[in-house]
Amino acid sequence: MSLDLLGSAADGMAAQRSALDVYARNVAAAQAAGPRGRYARSVPIFALVRDRNGVRRLRFLGARSDPKRGVNMVAEMVAVLDASRAYAADAALFSIGKHAIERTIAVEQP
């Protein structure tokens, strides 16, 4: 096991947190626009980029506006639930990886 597991889980948590921010902004803007108002939905953009060591990492690049689609509150809430579940899964993976590393270190100690 290497620290790549922890890095991947941390990247996933950061990506899901960024997506949650975008979805929360969509919901807030749609609420502020009111029932007759229309707000163009923002969509998070992610990319795999290489860091200084050549390792591919997931990065949040921002959000783009989708003027063709307004905010659908049910769809946004489903997206929020999906992102929060993915965040929880990444956090659990990080915790498992951390525990495995701690146990490996403990085995090496006299």
Protein backbone atom coordinates (compact mmCIF):
# COMPACT_ATOMS: atom_id res chain seq x y z
CA MET A 1 0.00 0.00 0.00
CA SER A 2 1.24 3.46 -0.76
CA LEU A 3 0.12 6.96 -0.02
CA ASP A 4 -1.53 7.07 -3.46
CA LEU A 5 -4.66 5.67 -1.82
CA LEU A 6 -4.78 8.58 0.62
CA GLY A 7 -4.13 11.09 -2.16
CA SER A 8 -6.86 9.64 -4.35
CA ALA A 9 -9.36 9.65 -1.50
CA ALA A 10 -8.43 13.24 -0.60
CA ASP A 11 -8.80 14.32 -4.24
CA GLY A 12 -12.23 12.69 -4.34
CA MET A 13 -13.32 14.44 -1.14
CA ALA A 14 -12.14 17.81 -2.48
CA ALA A 15 -13.94 17.23 -5.78
CA GLN A 16 -17.21 16.29 -4.07
CA ARG A 17 -16.97 19.27 -1.72
CA SER A 18 -16.54 21.57 -4.73
CA ALA A 19 -19.49 19.94 -6.50
CA LEU A 20 -21.62 20.39 -3.37
CA ASP A 21 -20.74 24.10 -3.36
CA VAL A 22 -21.88 24.44 -6.98
CA TYR A 23 -25.14 22.58 -6.32
CA ALA A 24 -25.82 24.67 -3.21
CA ARG A 25 -25.32 27.86 -5.25
CA ASN A 26 -27.77 26.53 -7.84
CA VAL A 27 -30.41 25.89 -5.20
CA ALA A 28 -29.88 29.27 -3.53
CA ALA A 29 -30.02 31.17 -6.83
CA ALA A 30 -33.14 29.34 -7.95
CA GLN A 31 -34.82 30.15 -4.63
CA ALA A 32 -33.81 33.81 -4.94
CA ALA A 33 -35.15 33.99 -8.51
CA GLY A 34 -38.56 32.86 -7.29
CA PRO A 35 -41.11 30.58 -8.91
CA ARG A 36 -41.33 32.60 -12.15
CA GLY A 37 -37.66 33.44 -12.38
CA ARG A 38 -35.19 31.38 -14.35
CA TYR A 39 -31.61 30.73 -13.33
CA ALA A 40 -29.12 29.03 -15.64
CA ARG A 41 -27.78 25.93 -13.95
CA SER A 42 -24.07 25.85 -13.09
CA VAL A 43 -22.25 22.59 -13.76
CA PRO A 44 -18.96 21.67 -12.02
CA ILE A 45 -15.97 20.96 -14.28
CA PHE A 46 -13.28 18.46 -13.30
CA ALA A 47 -10.14 17.26 -15.03
CA LEU A 48 -7.34 14.81 -14.45
CA VAL A 49 -4.07 16.74 -14.38
CA ARG A 50 -0.52 15.64 -13.70
CA ASP A 51 1.24 17.04 -10.65
CA ARG A 52 4.99 17.79 -10.40
CA ASN A 53 5.74 14.12 -9.87
CA GLY A 54 3.74 13.02 -12.91
CA VAL A 55 0.92 11.55 -10.82
CA ARG A 56 -2.55 12.10 -12.26
CA ARG A 57 -4.78 14.01 -9.85
CA LEU A 58 -8.42 15.03 -9.99
CA ARG A 59 -8.87 18.81 -9.91
CA PHE A 60 -11.89 21.09 -9.80
CA LEU A 61 -11.54 23.67 -12.58
CA GLY A 62 -14.59 25.74 -11.76
CA ALA A 63 -18.16 25.78 -12.96
CA ARG A 64 -19.68 26.60 -16.31
CA SER A 65 -23.13 28.01 -16.84
CA ASP A 66 -25.61 25.93 -18.82
CA PRO A 67 -28.09 28.53 -20.12
CA LYS A 68 -30.20 25.89 -21.88
CA ARG A 69 -31.16 24.25 -18.59
CA GLY A 70 -32.74 25.94 -15.64
CA VAL A 71 -32.36 24.65 -12.12
CA ASN A 72 -34.62 21.73 -11.31
CA MET A 73 -34.83 21.53 -7.53
CA VAL A 74 -35.43 17.77 -7.46
CA ALA A 75 -32.47 17.13 -9.77
CA GLU A 76 -30.26 19.41 -7.66
CA MET A 77 -31.23 17.64 -4.46
CA VAL A 78 -30.45 14.27 -6.06
CA ALA A 79 -27.08 15.67 -7.15
CA VAL A 80 -26.45 16.88 -3.59
CA LEU A 81 -27.29 13.43 -2.20
CA ASP A 82 -25.01 11.74 -4.75
CA ALA A 83 -22.13 14.10 -4.00
CA SER A 84 -22.54 13.74 -0.23
CA ARG A 85 -22.60 9.94 -0.49
CA ALA A 86 -19.52 9.97 -2.70
CA TYR A 87 -17.81 12.26 -0.19
CA ALA A 88 -18.68 9.85 2.63
CA ALA A 89 -17.33 6.91 0.61
CA ASP A 90 -14.07 8.78 -0.06
CA ALA A 91 -13.79 9.70 3.62
CA ALA A 92 -14.28 6.04 4.59
CA LEU A 93 -11.63 4.98 2.08
CA PHE A 94 -9.25 7.58 3.50
CA SER A 95 -9.91 6.34 7.02
CA ILE A 96 -9.29 2.72 6.03
CA GLY A 97 -6.06 3.64 4.26
CA LYS A 98 -4.89 5.68 7.24
CA HIS A 99 -5.69 2.82 9.62
CA ALA A 100 -3.83 0.32 7.42
CA ILE A 101 -0.75 2.54 7.34
CA GLU A 102 -0.89 3.03 11.11
CA ARG A 103 -1.13 -0.75 11.62
CA THR A 104 1.80 -1.33 9.25
CA ILE A 105 3.92 1.14 11.20
CA ALA A 106 2.89 -0.50 14.48
CA VAL A 107 3.96 -3.95 13.23
CA GLU A 108 7.44 -2.60 12.46
CA GLN A 109 7.90 -1.25 16.00
CA PRO A 110 9.36 -3.56 18.66
